């Protein structure tokens, strides 16, 4: 690649990385909301963790609880 191609590739990658970061933040917020909703509907932290592919600790943190 020449210099212009490299610069363009770097710029494209920076944009894609920014878009990916934004999507990850949005998906994380949606997951937190879903964890809370599932818990309010009666699902236990262990089941939520299994189904959401999260650690139990992550679920407890989202719920603001300590493991029992």
PDB file of N, CA and C in Angstrom:
ATOM      1  N   UNK A   1       0.845  -1.184   0.000  1.00  0.00           N
ATOM      2  CA  UNK A   1       0.000   0.000   0.000  1.00  0.00           C
ATOM      3  C   UNK A   1       0.885   1.240   0.000  1.00  0.00           C
ATOM      4  N   UNK A   2       0.378   2.234  -0.684  1.00  0.00           N
ATOM      5  CA  UNK A   2       1.105   3.498  -0.647  1.00  0.00           C
ATOM      6  C   UNK A   2       0.618   4.331   0.541  1.00  0.00           C
ATOM      7  N   UNK A   3       1.231   5.481   0.723  1.00  0.00           N
ATOM      8  CA  UNK A   3       0.919   6.316   1.888  1.00  0.00           C
ATOM      9  C   UNK A   3      -0.555   6.724   1.942  1.00  0.00           C
ATOM     10  N   UNK A   4      -1.114   7.146   0.822  1.00  0.00           N
ATOM     11  CA  UNK A   4      -2.520   7.552   0.796  1.00  0.00           C
ATOM     12  C   UNK A   4      -3.451   6.387   1.150  1.00  0.00           C
ATOM     13  N   UNK A   5      -3.153   5.215   0.644  1.00  0.00           N
ATOM     14  CA  UNK A   5      -3.974   4.044   0.943  1.00  0.00           C
ATOM     15  C   UNK A   5      -3.899   3.684   2.430  1.00  0.00           C
ATOM     16  N   UNK A   6      -2.699   3.795   2.984  1.00  0.00           N
ATOM     17  CA  UNK A   6      -2.530   3.506   4.406  1.00  0.00           C
ATOM     18  C   UNK A   6      -3.297   4.505   5.267  1.00  0.00           C
ATOM     19  N   UNK A   7      -3.212   5.784   4.918  1.00  0.00           N
ATOM     20  CA  UNK A   7      -3.930   6.813   5.670  1.00  0.00           C
ATOM     21  C   UNK A   7      -5.429   6.574   5.577  1.00  0.00           C
ATOM     22  N   UNK A   8      -5.916   6.277   4.396  1.00  0.00           N
ATOM     23  CA  UNK A   8      -7.351   6.000   4.230  1.00  0.00           C
ATOM     24  C   UNK A   8      -7.784   4.775   5.025  1.00  0.00           C
ATOM     25  N   UNK A   9      -6.948   3.744   5.023  1.00  0.00           N
ATOM     26  CA  UNK A   9      -7.263   2.532   5.782  1.00  0.00           C
ATOM     27  C   UNK A   9      -7.290   2.834   7.280  1.00  0.00           C
ATOM     28  N   UNK A  10      -6.354   3.633   7.752  1.00  0.00           N
ATOM     29  CA  UNK A  10      -6.343   4.015   9.163  1.00  0.00           C
ATOM     30  C   UNK A  10      -7.596   4.795   9.532  1.00  0.00           C
ATOM     31  N   UNK A  11      -7.998   5.713   8.685  1.00  0.00           N
ATOM     32  CA  UNK A  11      -9.201   6.515   8.949  1.00  0.00           C
ATOM     33  C   UNK A  11     -10.446   5.643   8.969  1.00  0.00           C
ATOM     34  N   UNK A  12     -10.557   4.720   8.018  1.00  0.00           N
ATOM     35  CA  UNK A  12     -11.705   3.807   7.978  1.00  0.00           C
ATOM     36  C   UNK A  12     -11.753   2.963   9.240  1.00  0.00           C
ATOM     37  N   UNK A  13     -10.584   2.467   9.635  1.00  0.00           N
ATOM     38  CA  UNK A  13     -10.526   1.640  10.829  1.00  0.00           C
ATOM     39  C   UNK A  13     -10.932   2.435  12.067  1.00  0.00           C
ATOM     40  N   UNK A  14     -10.522   3.675  12.162  1.00  0.00           N
ATOM     41  CA  UNK A  14     -10.882   4.518  13.303  1.00  0.00           C
ATOM     42  C   UNK A  14     -12.393   4.717  13.361  1.00  0.00           C
ATOM     43  N   UNK A  15     -13.019   4.954  12.217  1.00  0.00           N
ATOM     44  CA  UNK A  15     -14.470   5.130  12.168  1.00  0.00           C
ATOM     45  C   UNK A  15     -15.169   3.838  12.576  1.00  0.00           C
ATOM     46  N   UNK A  16     -14.717   2.720  12.038  1.00  0.00           N
ATOM     47  CA  UNK A  16     -15.324   1.431  12.364  1.00  0.00           C
ATOM     48  C   UNK A  16     -15.171   1.112  13.850  1.00  0.00           C
ATOM     49  N   UNK A  17     -14.004   1.419  14.409  1.00  0.00           N
ATOM     50  CA  UNK A  17     -13.774   1.177  15.827  1.00  0.00           C
ATOM     51  C   UNK A  17     -14.714   2.025  16.681  1.00  0.00           C
ATOM     52  N   UNK A  18     -14.896   3.284  16.304  1.00  0.00           N
ATOM     53  CA  UNK A  18     -15.803   4.173  17.027  1.00  0.00           C
ATOM     54  C   UNK A  18     -17.237   3.634  16.955  1.00  0.00           C
ATOM     55  N   UNK A  19     -17.671   3.219  15.778  1.00  0.00           N
ATOM     56  CA  UNK A  19     -19.021   2.673  15.615  1.00  0.00           C
ATOM     57  C   UNK A  19     -19.198   1.408  16.449  1.00  0.00           C
ATOM     58  N   UNK A  20     -18.181   0.566  16.482  1.00  0.00           N
ATOM     59  CA  UNK A  20     -18.232  -0.662  17.263  1.00  0.00           C
ATOM     60  C   UNK A  20     -18.323  -0.348  18.754  1.00  0.00           C
ATOM     61  N   UNK A  21     -17.552   0.628  19.209  1.00  0.00           N
ATOM     62  CA  UNK A  21     -17.612   1.042  20.617  1.00  0.00           C
ATOM     63  C   UNK A  21     -19.001   1.546  20.976  1.00  0.00           C
ATOM     64  N   UNK A  22     -19.602   2.338  20.101  1.00  0.00           N
ATOM     65  CA  UNK A  22     -20.948   2.854  20.353  1.00  0.00           C
ATOM     66  C   UNK A  22     -21.965   1.711  20.416  1.00  0.00           C
ATOM     67  N   UNK A  23     -21.850   0.760  19.509  1.00  0.00           N
ATOM     68  CA  UNK A  23     -22.759  -0.387  19.499  1.00  0.00           C
ATOM     69  C   UNK A  23     -22.593  -1.210  20.772  1.00  0.00           C
ATOM     70  N   UNK A  24     -21.364  -1.411  21.195  1.00  0.00           N
ATOM     71  CA  UNK A  24     -21.112  -2.176  22.417  1.00  0.00           C
ATOM     72  C   UNK A  24     -21.734  -1.484  23.628  1.00  0.00           C
ATOM     73  N   UNK A  25     -21.608  -0.168  23.717  1.00  0.00           N
ATOM     74  CA  UNK A  25     -22.220   0.563  24.832  1.00  0.00           C
ATOM     75  C   UNK A  25     -23.741   0.415  24.816  1.00  0.00           C
ATOM     76  N   UNK A  26     -24.325   0.519  23.633  1.00  0.00           N
ATOM     77  CA  UNK A  26     -25.777   0.392  23.511  1.00  0.00           C
ATOM     78  C   UNK A  26     -26.230  -1.020  23.880  1.00  0.00           C
ATOM     79  N   UNK A  27     -25.496  -2.018  23.411  1.00  0.00           N
ATOM     80  CA  UNK A  27     -25.856  -3.407  23.719  1.00  0.00           C
ATOM     81  C   UNK A  27     -25.692  -3.703  25.205  1.00  0.00           C
ATOM     82  N   UNK A  28     -24.670  -3.135  25.824  1.00  0.00           N
ATOM     83  CA  UNK A  28     -24.454  -3.337  27.254  1.00  0.00           C
ATOM     84  C   UNK A  28     -25.593  -2.720  28.062  1.00  0.00           C
ATOM     85  N   UNK A  29     -26.031  -1.544  27.666  1.00  0.00           N
ATOM     86  CA  UNK A  29     -27.153  -0.896  28.346  1.00  0.00           C
ATOM     87  C   UNK A  29     -28.420  -1.728  28.183  1.00  0.00           C
ATOM     88  N   UNK A  30     -28.636  -2.255  26.991  1.00  0.00           N
ATOM     89  CA  UNK A  30     -29.812  -3.096  26.745  1.00  0.00           C
ATOM     90  C   UNK A  30     -29.745  -4.371  27.588  1.00  0.00           C
ATOM     91  N   UNK A  31     -28.560  -4.953  27.726  1.00  0.00           N
ATOM     92  CA  UNK A  31     -28.402  -6.162  28.535  1.00  0.00           C
ATOM     93  C   UNK A  31     -28.695  -5.856  29.996  1.00  0.00           C
ATOM     94  N   UNK A  32     -28.206  -4.740  30.509  1.00  0.00           N
ATOM     95  CA  UNK A  32     -28.494  -4.371  31.896  1.00  0.00           C
ATOM     96  C   UNK A  32     -30.002  -4.238  32.115  1.00  0.00           C
ATOM     97  N   UNK A  33     -30.672  -3.594  31.182  1.00  0.00           N
ATOM     98  CA  UNK A  33     -32.129  -3.442  31.288  1.00  0.00           C
ATOM     99  C   UNK A  33     -32.828  -4.797  31.272  1.00  0.00           C
ATOM    100  N   UNK A  34     -32.374  -5.688  30.403  1.00  0.00           N
ATOM    101  CA  UNK A  34     -32.997  -7.006  30.292  1.00  0.00           C
ATOM    102  C   UNK A  34     -32.756  -7.845  31.542  1.00  0.00           C
ATOM    103  N   UNK A  35     -31.555  -7.722  32.129  1.00  0.00           N
ATOM    104  CA  UNK A  35     -31.261  -8.451  33.365  1.00  0.00           C
ATOM    105  C   UNK A  35     -32.207  -7.988  34.469  1.00  0.00           C
ATOM    106  N   UNK A  36     -32.377  -6.685  34.604  1.00  0.00           N
ATOM    107  CA  UNK A  36     -33.286  -6.153  35.624  1.00  0.00           C
ATOM    108  C   UNK A  36     -34.726  -6.607  35.369  1.00  0.00           C
ATOM    109  N   UNK A  37     -35.148  -6.566  34.112  1.00  0.00           N
ATOM    110  CA  UNK A  37     -36.502  -6.983  33.768  1.00  0.00           C
ATOM    111  C   UNK A  37     -36.714  -8.470  34.066  1.00  0.00           C
ATOM    112  N   UNK A  38     -35.735  -9.288  33.727  1.00  0.00           N
ATOM    113  CA  UNK A  38     -35.836 -10.725  33.985  1.00  0.00           C
ATOM    114  C   UNK A  38     -35.920 -10.992  35.487  1.00  0.00           C
ATOM    115  N   UNK A  39     -35.142 -10.267  36.260  1.00  0.00           N
ATOM    116  CA  UNK A  39     -35.165 -10.442  37.710  1.00  0.00           C
ATOM    117  C   UNK A  39     -36.516 -10.014  38.289  1.00  0.00           C
ATOM    118  N   UNK A  40     -37.035  -8.908  37.806  1.00  0.00           N
ATOM    119  CA  UNK A  40     -38.354  -8.452  38.268  1.00  0.00           C
ATOM    120  C   UNK A  40     -39.449  -9.447  37.898  1.00  0.00           C
ATOM    121  N   UNK A  41     -39.243 -10.167  36.807  1.00  0.00           N
ATOM    122  CA  UNK A  41     -40.236 -11.164  36.375  1.00  0.00           C
ATOM    123  C   UNK A  41     -40.098 -12.476  37.138  1.00  0.00           C
ATOM    124  N   UNK A  42     -39.072 -12.572  38.003  1.00  0.00           N
ATOM    125  CA  UNK A  42     -38.953 -13.751  38.840  1.00  0.00           C
ATOM    126  C   UNK A  42     -37.806 -14.689  38.523  1.00  0.00           C
ATOM    127  N   UNK A  43     -37.031 -14.419  37.511  1.00  0.00           N
ATOM    128  CA  UNK A  43     -35.885 -15.272  37.217  1.00  0.00           C
ATOM    129  C   UNK A  43     -34.788 -15.000  38.233  1.00  0.00           C
ATOM    130  N   UNK A  44     -34.152 -16.059  38.674  1.00  0.00           N
ATOM    131  CA  UNK A  44     -33.066 -15.928  39.638  1.00  0.00           C
ATOM    132  C   UNK A  44     -31.760 -15.524  38.967  1.00  0.00           C
ATOM    133  N   UNK A  45     -30.834 -14.977  39.727  1.00  0.00           N
ATOM    134  CA  UNK A  45     -29.550 -14.542  39.180  1.00  0.00           C
ATOM    135  C   UNK A  45     -28.771 -15.636  38.464  1.00  0.00           C
ATOM    136  N   UNK A  46     -28.802 -16.853  38.988  1.00  0.00           N
ATOM    137  CA  UNK A  46     -28.064 -17.940  38.341  1.00  0.00           C
ATOM    138  C   UNK A  46     -28.630 -18.238  36.963  1.00  0.00           C
ATOM    139  N   UNK A  47     -29.932 -18.319  36.871  1.00  0.00           N
ATOM    140  CA  UNK A  47     -30.571 -18.585  35.569  1.00  0.00           C
ATOM    141  C   UNK A  47     -30.318 -17.434  34.597  1.00  0.00           C
ATOM    142  N   UNK A  48     -30.426 -16.211  35.077  1.00  0.00           N
ATOM    143  CA  UNK A  48     -30.159 -15.044  34.218  1.00  0.00           C
ATOM    144  C   UNK A  48     -28.730 -15.121  33.695  1.00  0.00           C
ATOM    145  N   UNK A  49     -27.795 -15.419  34.581  1.00  0.00           N
ATOM    146  CA  UNK A  49     -26.389 -15.506  34.180  1.00  0.00           C
ATOM    147  C   UNK A  49     -26.184 -16.562  33.104  1.00  0.00           C
ATOM    148  N   UNK A  50     -26.808 -17.711  33.295  1.00  0.00           N
ATOM    149  CA  UNK A  50     -26.672 -18.797  32.309  1.00  0.00           C
ATOM    150  C   UNK A  50     -27.230 -18.383  30.953  1.00  0.00           C
ATOM    151  N   UNK A  51     -28.427 -17.852  30.960  1.00  0.00           N
ATOM    152  CA  UNK A  51     -29.091 -17.523  29.701  1.00  0.00           C
ATOM    153  C   UNK A  51     -28.448 -16.340  28.982  1.00  0.00           C
ATOM    154  N   UNK A  52     -27.934 -15.381  29.756  1.00  0.00           N
ATOM    155  CA  UNK A  52     -27.327 -14.184  29.161  1.00  0.00           C
ATOM    156  C   UNK A  52     -25.830 -14.357  28.901  1.00  0.00           C
ATOM    157  N   UNK A  53     -25.302 -15.529  29.295  1.00  0.00           N
ATOM    158  CA  UNK A  53     -23.869 -15.803  29.159  1.00  0.00           C
ATOM    159  C   UNK A  53     -23.034 -14.750  29.878  1.00  0.00           C
ATOM    160  N   UNK A  54     -23.469 -14.463  31.107  1.00  0.00           N
ATOM    161  CA  UNK A  54     -22.756 -13.556  31.994  1.00  0.00           C
ATOM    162  C   UNK A  54     -22.314 -14.338  33.222  1.00  0.00           C
ATOM    163  N   UNK A  55     -21.375 -13.787  33.956  1.00  0.00           N
ATOM    164  CA  UNK A  55     -21.041 -14.396  35.238  1.00  0.00           C
ATOM    165  C   UNK A  55     -22.134 -14.037  36.241  1.00  0.00           C
ATOM    166  N   UNK A  56     -22.279 -14.861  37.263  1.00  0.00           N
ATOM    167  CA  UNK A  56     -23.246 -14.530  38.309  1.00  0.00           C
ATOM    168  C   UNK A  56     -22.865 -13.217  38.967  1.00  0.00           C
ATOM    169  N   UNK A  57     -21.561 -13.009  39.145  1.00  0.00           N
ATOM    170  CA  UNK A  57     -21.097 -11.766  39.757  1.00  0.00           C
ATOM    171  C   UNK A  57     -21.550 -10.559  38.943  1.00  0.00           C
ATOM    172  N   UNK A  58     -21.483 -10.652  37.621  1.00  0.00           N
ATOM    173  CA  UNK A  58     -21.928  -9.544  36.765  1.00  0.00           C
ATOM    174  C   UNK A  58     -23.417  -9.280  36.953  1.00  0.00           C
ATOM    175  N   UNK A  59     -24.186 -10.346  37.071  1.00  0.00           N
ATOM    176  CA  UNK A  59     -25.632 -10.195  37.278  1.00  0.00           C
ATOM    177  C   UNK A  59     -25.897  -9.523  38.622  1.00  0.00           C
ATOM    178  N   UNK A  60     -25.219  -9.986  39.660  1.00  0.00           N
ATOM    179  CA  UNK A  60     -25.402  -9.371  40.976  1.00  0.00           C
ATOM    180  C   UNK A  60     -25.013  -7.896  40.952  1.00  0.00           C
ATOM    181  N   UNK A  61     -23.951  -7.565  40.238  1.00  0.00           N
ATOM    182  CA  UNK A  61     -23.534  -6.164  40.142  1.00  0.00           C
ATOM    183  C   UNK A  61     -24.600  -5.328  39.446  1.00  0.00           C
ATOM    184  N   UNK A  62     -25.161  -5.847  38.369  1.00  0.00           N
ATOM    185  CA  UNK A  62     -26.217  -5.134  37.659  1.00  0.00           C
ATOM    186  C   UNK A  62     -27.416  -4.912  38.586  1.00  0.00           C
ATOM    187  N   UNK A  63     -27.730  -5.920  39.380  1.00  0.00           N
ATOM    188  CA  UNK A  63     -28.877  -5.850  40.260  1.00  0.00           C
ATOM    189  C   UNK A  63     -28.581  -5.082  41.555  1.00  0.00           C
ATOM    190  N   UNK A  64     -27.318  -4.751  41.761  1.00  0.00           N
ATOM    191  CA  UNK A  64     -26.942  -4.047  42.982  1.00  0.00           C
ATOM    192  C   UNK A  64     -27.086  -4.896  44.217  1.00  0.00           C
ATOM    193  N   UNK A  65     -26.828  -6.200  44.056  1.00  0.00           N
ATOM    194  CA  UNK A  65     -26.965  -7.141  45.156  1.00  0.00           C
ATOM    195  C   UNK A  65     -25.639  -7.828  45.441  1.00  0.00           C
ATOM    196  N   UNK A  66     -25.610  -8.481  46.568  1.00  0.00           N
ATOM    197  CA  UNK A  66     -24.470  -9.338  46.911  1.00  0.00           C
ATOM    198  C   UNK A  66     -24.917 -10.788  46.781  1.00  0.00           C
ATOM    199  N   UNK A  67     -24.018 -11.649  46.319  1.00  0.00           N
ATOM    200  CA  UNK A  67     -24.400 -13.071  46.240  1.00  0.00           C
ATOM    201  C   UNK A  67     -24.760 -13.606  47.618  1.00  0.00           C
ATOM    202  N   UNK A  68     -25.726 -14.502  47.628  1.00  0.00           N
ATOM    203  CA  UNK A  68     -26.133 -15.089  48.924  1.00  0.00           C
ATOM    204  C   UNK A  68     -25.420 -16.396  49.168  1.00  0.00           C
TER     205      UNK A  68
END
